[in-house]
């Protein structure tokens, strides 16, 4: 889901769409005090959009995935569900959500 960017001399990472979902879920519900209330709201917005797109694509475990994120679960089951949700949502929907997130955060 995440890997070191070989072209980034500052140690940045490349993020896949499943990695984006995992990061959004962790940010939406995590106990990280560095996340602002607006940041948490943006993450919850993105999570809801991704899960909605996944449901539209046939993913039936959106509520369970949301619960796992809210419980702070880190497991192979969560990982498998993240990949399945992104697959169900599809690339076009995921890209549209990324654009909407950028507009929301920039605006």
PDB file of N, CA and C in Angstrom:
ATOM      1  N   UNK A   1       0.806  -1.191   0.000  1.00  0.00           N
ATOM      2  CA  UNK A   1       0.000   0.000   0.000  1.00  0.00           C
ATOM      3  C   UNK A   1       0.856   1.264   0.000  1.00  0.00           C
ATOM      4  N   UNK A   2       2.014   1.177   0.646  1.00  0.00           N
ATOM      5  CA  UNK A   2       2.951   2.293   0.713  1.00  0.00           C
ATOM      6  C   UNK A   2       4.325   1.745   0.346  1.00  0.00           C
ATOM      7  N   UNK A   3       5.110   2.547  -0.362  1.00  0.00           N
ATOM      8  CA  UNK A   3       6.495   2.161  -0.588  1.00  0.00           C
ATOM      9  C   UNK A   3       7.332   3.412  -0.769  1.00  0.00           C
ATOM     10  N   UNK A   4       8.583   3.277  -0.428  1.00  0.00           N
ATOM     11  CA  UNK A   4       9.507   4.391  -0.541  1.00  0.00           C
ATOM     12  C   UNK A   4       9.579   4.848  -1.996  1.00  0.00           C
ATOM     13  N   UNK A   5       9.556   6.155  -2.205  1.00  0.00           N
ATOM     14  CA  UNK A   5       9.681   6.730  -3.543  1.00  0.00           C
ATOM     15  C   UNK A   5      11.160   6.819  -3.881  1.00  0.00           C
ATOM     16  N   UNK A   6      11.624   6.025  -4.855  1.00  0.00           N
ATOM     17  CA  UNK A   6      13.056   6.037  -5.177  1.00  0.00           C
ATOM     18  C   UNK A   6      13.530   7.364  -5.772  1.00  0.00           C
ATOM     19  N   UNK A   7      12.603   8.192  -6.214  1.00  0.00           N
ATOM     20  CA  UNK A   7      12.955   9.475  -6.819  1.00  0.00           C
ATOM     21  C   UNK A   7      12.875  10.644  -5.844  1.00  0.00           C
ATOM     22  N   UNK A   8      12.553  10.369  -4.596  1.00  0.00           N
ATOM     23  CA  UNK A   8      12.415  11.430  -3.600  1.00  0.00           C
ATOM     24  C   UNK A   8      13.609  11.384  -2.648  1.00  0.00           C
ATOM     25  N   UNK A   9      14.482  12.352  -2.766  1.00  0.00           N
ATOM     26  CA  UNK A   9      15.690  12.382  -1.932  1.00  0.00           C
ATOM     27  C   UNK A   9      15.392  12.685  -0.471  1.00  0.00           C
ATOM     28  N   UNK A  10      14.165  13.136  -0.183  1.00  0.00           N
ATOM     29  CA  UNK A  10      13.796  13.456   1.192  1.00  0.00           C
ATOM     30  C   UNK A  10      13.095  12.298   1.899  1.00  0.00           C
ATOM     31  N   UNK A  11      13.002  11.132   1.246  1.00  0.00           N
ATOM     32  CA  UNK A  11      12.433   9.955   1.889  1.00  0.00           C
ATOM     33  C   UNK A  11      10.930   9.849   1.797  1.00  0.00           C
ATOM     34  N   UNK A  12      10.333  10.451   0.768  1.00  0.00           N
ATOM     35  CA  UNK A  12       8.884  10.382   0.598  1.00  0.00           C
ATOM     36  C   UNK A  12       8.410   8.997   0.191  1.00  0.00           C
ATOM     37  N   UNK A  13       7.112   8.825   0.219  1.00  0.00           N
ATOM     38  CA  UNK A  13       6.501   7.541  -0.099  1.00  0.00           C
ATOM     39  C   UNK A  13       5.530   7.669  -1.266  1.00  0.00           C
ATOM     40  N   UNK A  14       5.360   6.576  -1.974  1.00  0.00           N
ATOM     41  CA  UNK A  14       4.321   6.453  -2.982  1.00  0.00           C
ATOM     42  C   UNK A  14       3.134   5.776  -2.317  1.00  0.00           C
ATOM     43  N   UNK A  15       1.953   6.224  -2.657  1.00  0.00           N
ATOM     44  CA  UNK A  15       0.742   5.751  -2.007  1.00  0.00           C
ATOM     45  C   UNK A  15      -0.193   5.166  -3.060  1.00  0.00           C
ATOM     46  N   UNK A  16      -0.601   3.931  -2.874  1.00  0.00           N
ATOM     47  CA  UNK A  16      -1.565   3.304  -3.779  1.00  0.00           C
ATOM     48  C   UNK A  16      -2.977   3.692  -3.345  1.00  0.00           C
ATOM     49  N   UNK A  17      -3.966   3.392  -4.169  1.00  0.00           N
ATOM     50  CA  UNK A  17      -5.357   3.692  -3.788  1.00  0.00           C
ATOM     51  C   UNK A  17      -5.761   2.917  -2.528  1.00  0.00           C
ATOM     52  N   UNK A  18      -5.396   1.635  -2.384  1.00  0.00           N
ATOM     53  CA  UNK A  18      -5.691   0.986  -1.101  1.00  0.00           C
ATOM     54  C   UNK A  18      -4.967   1.668   0.065  1.00  0.00           C
ATOM     55  N   UNK A  19      -3.761   2.140  -0.185  1.00  0.00           N
ATOM     56  CA  UNK A  19      -3.039   2.876   0.847  1.00  0.00           C
ATOM     57  C   UNK A  19      -3.750   4.160   1.222  1.00  0.00           C
ATOM     58  N   UNK A  20      -4.319   4.831   0.212  1.00  0.00           N
ATOM     59  CA  UNK A  20      -5.094   6.039   0.474  1.00  0.00           C
ATOM     60  C   UNK A  20      -6.286   5.729   1.372  1.00  0.00           C
ATOM     61  N   UNK A  21      -7.012   4.662   1.061  1.00  0.00           N
ATOM     62  CA  UNK A  21      -8.160   4.286   1.888  1.00  0.00           C
ATOM     63  C   UNK A  21      -7.715   3.968   3.314  1.00  0.00           C
ATOM     64  N   UNK A  22      -6.624   3.235   3.464  1.00  0.00           N
ATOM     65  CA  UNK A  22      -6.125   2.905   4.801  1.00  0.00           C
ATOM     66  C   UNK A  22      -5.736   4.166   5.570  1.00  0.00           C
ATOM     67  N   UNK A  23      -5.086   5.093   4.897  1.00  0.00           N
ATOM     68  CA  UNK A  23      -4.680   6.343   5.534  1.00  0.00           C
ATOM     69  C   UNK A  23      -5.887   7.188   5.918  1.00  0.00           C
ATOM     70  N   UNK A  24      -6.868   7.263   5.027  1.00  0.00           N
ATOM     71  CA  UNK A  24      -8.084   8.033   5.304  1.00  0.00           C
ATOM     72  C   UNK A  24      -8.832   7.434   6.494  1.00  0.00           C
ATOM     73  N   UNK A  25      -8.958   6.112   6.506  1.00  0.00           N
ATOM     74  CA  UNK A  25      -9.651   5.447   7.613  1.00  0.00           C
ATOM     75  C   UNK A  25      -8.948   5.667   8.945  1.00  0.00           C
ATOM     76  N   UNK A  26      -7.628   5.562   8.930  1.00  0.00           N
ATOM     77  CA  UNK A  26      -6.866   5.772  10.163  1.00  0.00           C
ATOM     78  C   UNK A  26      -6.953   7.225  10.626  1.00  0.00           C
ATOM     79  N   UNK A  27      -6.956   8.154   9.686  1.00  0.00           N
ATOM     80  CA  UNK A  27      -7.041   9.579  10.038  1.00  0.00           C
ATOM     81  C   UNK A  27      -8.433   9.940  10.541  1.00  0.00           C
ATOM     82  N   UNK A  28      -9.447   9.344   9.942  1.00  0.00           N
ATOM     83  CA  UNK A  28     -10.825   9.651  10.335  1.00  0.00           C
ATOM     84  C   UNK A  28     -11.101   9.266  11.780  1.00  0.00           C
ATOM     85  N   UNK A  29     -10.512   8.170  12.233  1.00  0.00           N
ATOM     86  CA  UNK A  29     -10.847   7.662  13.560  1.00  0.00           C
ATOM     87  C   UNK A  29      -9.672   7.585  14.530  1.00  0.00           C
ATOM     88  N   UNK A  30      -8.464   7.850  14.055  1.00  0.00           N
ATOM     89  CA  UNK A  30      -7.291   7.682  14.895  1.00  0.00           C
ATOM     90  C   UNK A  30      -7.243   8.655  16.056  1.00  0.00           C
ATOM     91  N   UNK A  31      -6.419   8.333  17.014  1.00  0.00           N
ATOM     92  CA  UNK A  31      -6.276   9.163  18.215  1.00  0.00           C
ATOM     93  C   UNK A  31      -5.135  10.167  18.078  1.00  0.00           C
ATOM     94  N   UNK A  32      -4.653  10.367  16.863  1.00  0.00           N
ATOM     95  CA  UNK A  32      -3.527  11.274  16.629  1.00  0.00           C
ATOM     96  C   UNK A  32      -3.931  12.715  16.927  1.00  0.00           C
ATOM     97  N   UNK A  33      -3.324  13.296  17.942  1.00  0.00           N
ATOM     98  CA  UNK A  33      -3.636  14.673  18.325  1.00  0.00           C
ATOM     99  C   UNK A  33      -3.160  15.689  17.294  1.00  0.00           C
ATOM    100  N   UNK A  34      -2.286  15.262  16.369  1.00  0.00           N
ATOM    101  CA  UNK A  34      -1.787  16.179  15.342  1.00  0.00           C
ATOM    102  C   UNK A  34      -2.825  16.429  14.247  1.00  0.00           C
ATOM    103  N   UNK A  35      -3.864  15.616  14.199  1.00  0.00           N
ATOM    104  CA  UNK A  35      -4.915  15.791  13.193  1.00  0.00           C
ATOM    105  C   UNK A  35      -5.888  16.851  13.700  1.00  0.00           C
ATOM    106  N   UNK A  36      -6.077  17.881  12.902  1.00  0.00           N
ATOM    107  CA  UNK A  36      -6.997  18.958  13.281  1.00  0.00           C
ATOM    108  C   UNK A  36      -8.440  18.473  13.133  1.00  0.00           C
ATOM    109  N   UNK A  37      -9.380  19.142  13.769  1.00  0.00           N
ATOM    110  CA  UNK A  37     -10.785  18.776  13.569  1.00  0.00           C
ATOM    111  C   UNK A  37     -11.192  18.838  12.089  1.00  0.00           C
ATOM    112  N   UNK A  38     -10.689  19.831  11.361  1.00  0.00           N
ATOM    113  CA  UNK A  38     -11.007  19.912   9.930  1.00  0.00           C
ATOM    114  C   UNK A  38     -10.372  18.757   9.163  1.00  0.00           C
ATOM    115  N   UNK A  39      -9.172  18.386   9.535  1.00  0.00           N
ATOM    116  CA  UNK A  39      -8.508  17.246   8.899  1.00  0.00           C
ATOM    117  C   UNK A  39      -9.277  15.959   9.129  1.00  0.00           C
ATOM    118  N   UNK A  40      -9.758  15.777  10.359  1.00  0.00           N
ATOM    119  CA  UNK A  40     -10.552  14.587  10.671  1.00  0.00           C
ATOM    120  C   UNK A  40     -11.871  14.609   9.894  1.00  0.00           C
ATOM    121  N   UNK A  41     -12.500  15.783   9.788  1.00  0.00           N
ATOM    122  CA  UNK A  41     -13.747  15.894   9.022  1.00  0.00           C
ATOM    123  C   UNK A  41     -13.501  15.591   7.548  1.00  0.00           C
ATOM    124  N   UNK A  42     -12.391  16.080   7.009  1.00  0.00           N
ATOM    125  CA  UNK A  42     -12.058  15.792   5.613  1.00  0.00           C
ATOM    126  C   UNK A  42     -11.827  14.300   5.402  1.00  0.00           C
ATOM    127  N   UNK A  43     -11.166  13.664   6.356  1.00  0.00           N
ATOM    128  CA  UNK A  43     -10.921  12.228   6.247  1.00  0.00           C
ATOM    129  C   UNK A  43     -12.232  11.445   6.316  1.00  0.00           C
ATOM    130  N   UNK A  44     -13.123  11.841   7.209  1.00  0.00           N
ATOM    131  CA  UNK A  44     -14.419  11.160   7.300  1.00  0.00           C
ATOM    132  C   UNK A  44     -15.233  11.352   6.021  1.00  0.00           C
ATOM    133  N   UNK A  45     -15.153  12.529   5.437  1.00  0.00           N
ATOM    134  CA  UNK A  45     -15.823  12.806   4.168  1.00  0.00           C
ATOM    135  C   UNK A  45     -15.277  11.890   3.070  1.00  0.00           C
ATOM    136  N   UNK A  46     -13.955  11.802   2.979  1.00  0.00           N
ATOM    137  CA  UNK A  46     -13.332  10.951   1.962  1.00  0.00           C
ATOM    138  C   UNK A  46     -13.667   9.483   2.190  1.00  0.00           C
ATOM    139  N   UNK A  47     -13.644   9.051   3.441  1.00  0.00           N
ATOM    140  CA  UNK A  47     -13.977   7.665   3.755  1.00  0.00           C
ATOM    141  C   UNK A  47     -15.406   7.347   3.336  1.00  0.00           C
ATOM    142  N   UNK A  48     -16.326   8.231   3.646  1.00  0.00           N
ATOM    143  CA  UNK A  48     -17.727   8.017   3.261  1.00  0.00           C
ATOM    144  C   UNK A  48     -17.871   7.944   1.744  1.00  0.00           C
ATOM    145  N   UNK A  49     -17.156   8.806   1.029  1.00  0.00           N
ATOM    146  CA  UNK A  49     -17.226   8.795  -0.438  1.00  0.00           C
ATOM    147  C   UNK A  49     -16.659   7.500  -1.011  1.00  0.00           C
ATOM    148  N   UNK A  50     -15.546   7.054  -0.472  1.00  0.00           N
ATOM    149  CA  UNK A  50     -14.932   5.814  -0.968  1.00  0.00           C
ATOM    150  C   UNK A  50     -15.832   4.627  -0.675  1.00  0.00           C
ATOM    151  N   UNK A  51     -16.363   4.549   0.525  1.00  0.00           N
ATOM    152  CA  UNK A  51     -17.236   3.422   0.866  1.00  0.00           C
ATOM    153  C   UNK A  51     -18.516   3.455   0.043  1.00  0.00           C
ATOM    154  N   UNK A  52     -19.024   4.635  -0.254  1.00  0.00           N
ATOM    155  CA  UNK A  52     -20.210   4.746  -1.108  1.00  0.00           C
ATOM    156  C   UNK A  52     -19.912   4.230  -2.517  1.00  0.00           C
ATOM    157  N   UNK A  53     -18.767   4.613  -3.054  1.00  0.00           N
ATOM    158  CA  UNK A  53     -18.373   4.134  -4.387  1.00  0.00           C
ATOM    159  C   UNK A  53     -18.157   2.624  -4.378  1.00  0.00           C
ATOM    160  N   UNK A  54     -17.589   2.124  -3.297  1.00  0.00           N
ATOM    161  CA  UNK A  54     -17.372   0.678  -3.187  1.00  0.00           C
ATOM    162  C   UNK A  54     -18.700  -0.070  -3.131  1.00  0.00           C
ATOM    163  N   UNK A  55     -19.649   0.456  -2.366  1.00  0.00           N
ATOM    164  CA  UNK A  55     -20.981  -0.173  -2.301  1.00  0.00           C
ATOM    165  C   UNK A  55     -21.638  -0.167  -3.677  1.00  0.00           C
ATOM    166  N   UNK A  56     -21.497   0.939  -4.391  1.00  0.00           N
ATOM    167  CA  UNK A  56     -22.074   1.035  -5.742  1.00  0.00           C
ATOM    168  C   UNK A  56     -21.445   0.001  -6.671  1.00  0.00           C
ATOM    169  N   UNK A  57     -20.212  -0.378  -6.395  1.00  0.00           N
ATOM    170  CA  UNK A  57     -19.519  -1.388  -7.191  1.00  0.00           C
ATOM    171  C   UNK A  57     -19.723  -2.801  -6.697  1.00  0.00           C
ATOM    172  N   UNK A  58     -20.590  -2.982  -5.697  1.00  0.00           N
ATOM    173  CA  UNK A  58     -20.904  -4.322  -5.213  1.00  0.00           C
ATOM    174  C   UNK A  58     -20.244  -4.737  -3.917  1.00  0.00           C
ATOM    175  N   UNK A  59     -19.482  -3.867  -3.305  1.00  0.00           N
ATOM    176  CA  UNK A  59     -18.842  -4.190  -2.029  1.00  0.00           C
ATOM    177  C   UNK A  59     -19.905  -4.153  -0.940  1.00  0.00           C
ATOM    178  N   UNK A  60     -20.076  -5.249  -0.230  1.00  0.00           N
ATOM    179  CA  UNK A  60     -21.173  -5.370   0.737  1.00  0.00           C
ATOM    180  C   UNK A  60     -20.725  -5.212   2.194  1.00  0.00           C
ATOM    181  N   UNK A  61     -19.443  -4.972   2.411  1.00  0.00           N
ATOM    182  CA  UNK A  61     -18.947  -4.929   3.788  1.00  0.00           C
ATOM    183  C   UNK A  61     -18.496  -3.527   4.208  1.00  0.00           C
ATOM    184  N   UNK A  62     -19.102  -2.501   3.622  1.00  0.00           N
ATOM    185  CA  UNK A  62     -18.724  -1.131   3.947  1.00  0.00           C
ATOM    186  C   UNK A  62     -18.919  -0.784   5.404  1.00  0.00           C
ATOM    187  N   UNK A  63     -20.027  -1.201   5.984  1.00  0.00           N
ATOM    188  CA  UNK A  63     -20.277  -0.895   7.401  1.00  0.00           C
ATOM    189  C   UNK A  63     -19.258  -1.586   8.294  1.00  0.00           C
ATOM    190  N   UNK A  64     -18.924  -2.828   7.958  1.00  0.00           N
ATOM    191  CA  UNK A  64     -17.928  -3.555   8.745  1.00  0.00           C
ATOM    192  C   UNK A  64     -16.564  -2.902   8.611  1.00  0.00           C
ATOM    193  N   UNK A  65     -16.187  -2.515   7.403  1.00  0.00           N
ATOM    194  CA  UNK A  65     -14.894  -1.860   7.204  1.00  0.00           C
ATOM    195  C   UNK A  65     -14.835  -0.557   7.996  1.00  0.00           C
ATOM    196  N   UNK A  66     -15.896   0.220   7.970  1.00  0.00           N
ATOM    197  CA  UNK A  66     -15.958   1.452   8.738  1.00  0.00           C
ATOM    198  C   UNK A  66     -15.799   1.163  10.231  1.00  0.00           C
ATOM    199  N   UNK A  67     -16.446   0.116  10.710  1.00  0.00           N
ATOM    200  CA  UNK A  67     -16.331  -0.275  12.116  1.00  0.00           C
ATOM    201  C   UNK A  67     -14.909  -0.683  12.465  1.00  0.00           C
ATOM    202  N   UNK A  68     -14.260  -1.438  11.578  1.00  0.00           N
ATOM    203  CA  UNK A  68     -12.875  -1.841  11.838  1.00  0.00           C
ATOM    204  C   UNK A  68     -11.967  -0.620  11.941  1.00  0.00           C
ATOM    205  N   UNK A  69     -12.166   0.347  11.047  1.00  0.00           N
ATOM    206  CA  UNK A  69     -11.388   1.586  11.150  1.00  0.00           C
ATOM    207  C   UNK A  69     -11.678   2.296  12.468  1.00  0.00           C
ATOM    208  N   UNK A  70     -12.946   2.393  12.838  1.00  0.00           N
ATOM    209  CA  UNK A  70     -13.301   3.119  14.062  1.00  0.00           C
ATOM    210  C   UNK A  70     -12.756   2.426  15.307  1.00  0.00           C
ATOM    211  N   UNK A  71     -12.564   1.115  15.234  1.00  0.00           N
ATOM    212  CA  UNK A  71     -12.003   0.356  16.360  1.00  0.00           C
ATOM    213  C   UNK A  71     -10.479   0.344  16.349  1.00  0.00           C
ATOM    214  N   UNK A  72      -9.875   0.932  15.311  1.00  0.00           N
ATOM    215  CA  UNK A  72      -8.418   0.969  15.233  1.00  0.00           C
ATOM    216  C   UNK A  72      -7.790  -0.360  14.882  1.00  0.00           C
ATOM    217  N   UNK A  73      -8.559  -1.240  14.266  1.00  0.00           N
ATOM    218  CA  UNK A  73      -8.037  -2.568  13.937  1.00  0.00           C
ATOM    219  C   UNK A  73      -6.948  -2.469  12.879  1.00  0.00           C
ATOM    220  N   UNK A  74      -5.914  -3.251  13.083  1.00  0.00           N
ATOM    221  CA  UNK A  74      -4.856  -3.431  12.090  1.00  0.00           C
ATOM    222  C   UNK A  74      -4.706  -4.936  11.930  1.00  0.00           C
ATOM    223  N   UNK A  75      -5.116  -5.451  10.772  1.00  0.00           N
ATOM    224  CA  UNK A  75      -5.096  -6.895  10.582  1.00  0.00           C
ATOM    225  C   UNK A  75      -5.084  -7.233   9.101  1.00  0.00           C
ATOM    226  N   UNK A  76      -4.830  -8.480   8.817  1.00  0.00           N
ATOM    227  CA  UNK A  76      -4.904  -8.953   7.436  1.00  0.00           C
ATOM    228  C   UNK A  76      -6.328  -8.831   6.916  1.00  0.00           C
ATOM    229  N   UNK A  77      -7.303  -9.053   7.768  1.00  0.00           N
ATOM    230  CA  UNK A  77      -8.705  -8.915   7.357  1.00  0.00           C
ATOM    231  C   UNK A  77      -8.994  -7.482   6.898  1.00  0.00           C
ATOM    232  N   UNK A  78      -8.518  -6.507   7.649  1.00  0.00           N
ATOM    233  CA  UNK A  78      -8.697  -5.103   7.262  1.00  0.00           C
ATOM    234  C   UNK A  78      -8.005  -4.841   5.924  1.00  0.00           C
ATOM    235  N   UNK A  79      -6.800  -5.306   5.788  1.00  0.00           N
ATOM    236  CA  UNK A  79      -6.049  -5.120   4.537  1.00  0.00           C
ATOM    237  C   UNK A  79      -6.809  -5.721   3.360  1.00  0.00           C
ATOM    238  N   UNK A  80      -7.286  -6.933   3.513  1.00  0.00           N
ATOM    239  CA  UNK A  80      -8.028  -7.591   2.435  1.00  0.00           C
ATOM    240  C   UNK A  80      -9.286  -6.808   2.077  1.00  0.00           C
ATOM    241  N   UNK A  81      -9.969  -6.299   3.075  1.00  0.00           N
ATOM    242  CA  UNK A  81     -11.189  -5.531   2.831  1.00  0.00           C
ATOM    243  C   UNK A  81     -10.884  -4.196   2.160  1.00  0.00           C
ATOM    244  N   UNK A  82      -9.784  -3.574   2.520  1.00  0.00           N
ATOM    245  CA  UNK A  82      -9.382  -2.313   1.891  1.00  0.00           C
ATOM    246  C   UNK A  82      -9.159  -2.536   0.394  1.00  0.00           C
ATOM    247  N   UNK A  83      -8.431  -3.586   0.052  1.00  0.00           N
ATOM    248  CA  UNK A  83      -8.192  -3.894  -1.363  1.00  0.00           C
ATOM    249  C   UNK A  83      -9.502  -4.203  -2.081  1.00  0.00           C
ATOM    250  N   UNK A  84     -10.377  -4.975  -1.447  1.00  0.00           N
ATOM    251  CA  UNK A  84     -11.658  -5.320  -2.069  1.00  0.00           C
ATOM    252  C   UNK A  84     -12.536  -4.085  -2.275  1.00  0.00           C
ATOM    253  N   UNK A  85     -12.535  -3.184  -1.314  1.00  0.00           N
ATOM    254  CA  UNK A  85     -13.341  -1.964  -1.429  1.00  0.00           C
ATOM    255  C   UNK A  85     -12.846  -1.097  -2.575  1.00  0.00           C
ATOM    256  N   UNK A  86     -11.545  -0.928  -2.692  1.00  0.00           N
ATOM    257  CA  UNK A  86     -10.980  -0.114  -3.770  1.00  0.00           C
ATOM    258  C   UNK A  86     -11.242  -0.762  -5.121  1.00  0.00           C
ATOM    259  N   UNK A  87     -11.094  -2.076  -5.190  1.00  0.00           N
ATOM    260  CA  UNK A  87     -11.406  -2.781  -6.445  1.00  0.00           C
ATOM    261  C   UNK A  87     -12.858  -2.573  -6.843  1.00  0.00           C
ATOM    262  N   UNK A  88     -13.755  -2.655  -5.882  1.00  0.00           N
ATOM    263  CA  UNK A  88     -15.184  -2.480  -6.169  1.00  0.00           C
ATOM    264  C   UNK A  88     -15.485  -1.040  -6.585  1.00  0.00           C
ATOM    265  N   UNK A  89     -14.833  -0.088  -5.966  1.00  0.00           N
ATOM    266  CA  UNK A  89     -15.063   1.325  -6.303  1.00  0.00           C
ATOM    267  C   UNK A  89     -14.593   1.625  -7.720  1.00  0.00           C
ATOM    268  N   UNK A  90     -13.480   1.069  -8.099  1.00  0.00           N
ATOM    269  CA  UNK A  90     -12.942   1.288  -9.439  1.00  0.00           C
ATOM    270  C   UNK A  90     -12.057   2.517  -9.514  1.00  0.00           C
ATOM    271  N   UNK A  91     -11.159   2.502 -10.497  1.00  0.00           N
ATOM    272  CA  UNK A  91     -10.179   3.587 -10.638  1.00  0.00           C
ATOM    273  C   UNK A  91     -10.818   4.934 -10.898  1.00  0.00           C
ATOM    274  N   UNK A  92     -11.814   4.987 -11.764  1.00  0.00           N
ATOM    275  CA  UNK A  92     -12.418   6.279 -12.100  1.00  0.00           C
ATOM    276  C   UNK A  92     -13.041   6.934 -10.871  1.00  0.00           C
ATOM    277  N   UNK A  93     -13.798   6.163 -10.113  1.00  0.00           N
ATOM    278  CA  UNK A  93     -14.418   6.716  -8.903  1.00  0.00           C
ATOM    279  C   UNK A  93     -13.355   7.145  -7.900  1.00  0.00           C
ATOM    280  N   UNK A  94     -12.313   6.339  -7.736  1.00  0.00           N
ATOM    281  CA  UNK A  94     -11.257   6.691  -6.787  1.00  0.00           C
ATOM    282  C   UNK A  94     -10.559   7.983  -7.212  1.00  0.00           C
ATOM    283  N   UNK A  95     -10.284   8.132  -8.503  1.00  0.00           N
ATOM    284  CA  UNK A  95      -9.649   9.358  -8.982  1.00  0.00           C
ATOM    285  C   UNK A  95     -10.558  10.566  -8.781  1.00  0.00           C
ATOM    286  N   UNK A  96     -11.847  10.388  -9.011  1.00  0.00           N
ATOM    287  CA  UNK A  96     -12.802  11.475  -8.780  1.00  0.00           C
ATOM    288  C   UNK A  96     -12.832  11.880  -7.307  1.00  0.00           C
ATOM    289  N   UNK A  97     -12.713  10.916  -6.431  1.00  0.00           N
ATOM    290  CA  UNK A  97     -12.699  11.196  -4.990  1.00  0.00           C
ATOM    291  C   UNK A  97     -11.427  11.946  -4.606  1.00  0.00           C
ATOM    292  N   UNK A  98     -10.307  11.555  -5.193  1.00  0.00           N
ATOM    293  CA  UNK A  98      -9.051  12.269  -4.917  1.00  0.00           C
ATOM    294  C   UNK A  98      -9.169  13.726  -5.355  1.00  0.00           C
ATOM    295  N   UNK A  99      -9.741  13.960  -6.524  1.00  0.00           N
ATOM    296  CA  UNK A  99      -9.944  15.334  -7.005  1.00  0.00           C
ATOM    297  C   UNK A  99     -10.856  16.098  -6.048  1.00  0.00           C
ATOM    298  N   UNK A 100     -11.952  15.465  -5.622  1.00  0.00           N
ATOM    299  CA  UNK A 100     -12.878  16.124  -4.692  1.00  0.00           C
ATOM    300  C   UNK A 100     -12.191  16.434  -3.367  1.00  0.00           C
ATOM    301  N   UNK A 101     -11.330  15.536  -2.910  1.00  0.00           N
ATOM    302  CA  UNK A 101     -10.594  15.770  -1.668  1.00  0.00           C
ATOM    303  C   UNK A 101      -9.668  16.968  -1.827  1.00  0.00           C
ATOM    304  N   UNK A 102      -8.981  17.022  -2.953  1.00  0.00           N
ATOM    305  CA  UNK A 102      -8.067  18.140  -3.190  1.00  0.00           C
ATOM    306  C   UNK A 102      -8.833  19.458  -3.224  1.00  0.00           C
ATOM    307  N   UNK A 103      -9.963  19.475  -3.913  1.00  0.00           N
ATOM    308  CA  UNK A 103     -10.770  20.698  -3.978  1.00  0.00           C
ATOM    309  C   UNK A 103     -11.279  21.084  -2.592  1.00  0.00           C
ATOM    310  N   UNK A 104     -11.701  20.089  -1.825  1.00  0.00           N
ATOM    311  CA  UNK A 104     -12.200  20.362  -0.478  1.00  0.00           C
ATOM    312  C   UNK A 104     -11.116  20.930   0.419  1.00  0.00           C
ATOM    313  N   UNK A 105      -9.918  20.393   0.296  1.00  0.00           N
ATOM    314  CA  UNK A 105      -8.810  20.838   1.144  1.00  0.00           C
ATOM    315  C   UNK A 105      -8.221  22.164   0.676  1.00  0.00           C
ATOM    316  N   UNK A 106      -8.278  22.423  -0.630  1.00  0.00           N
ATOM    317  CA  UNK A 106      -7.733  23.674  -1.159  1.00  0.00           C
ATOM    318  C   UNK A 106      -8.721  24.824  -1.026  1.00  0.00           C
ATOM    319  N   UNK A 107     -10.020  24.481  -1.029  1.00  0.00           N
ATOM    320  CA  UNK A 107     -11.055  25.519  -1.051  1.00  0.00           C
ATOM    321  C   UNK A 107     -11.445  25.930   0.270  1.00  0.00           C
TER     322      UNK A 107
END
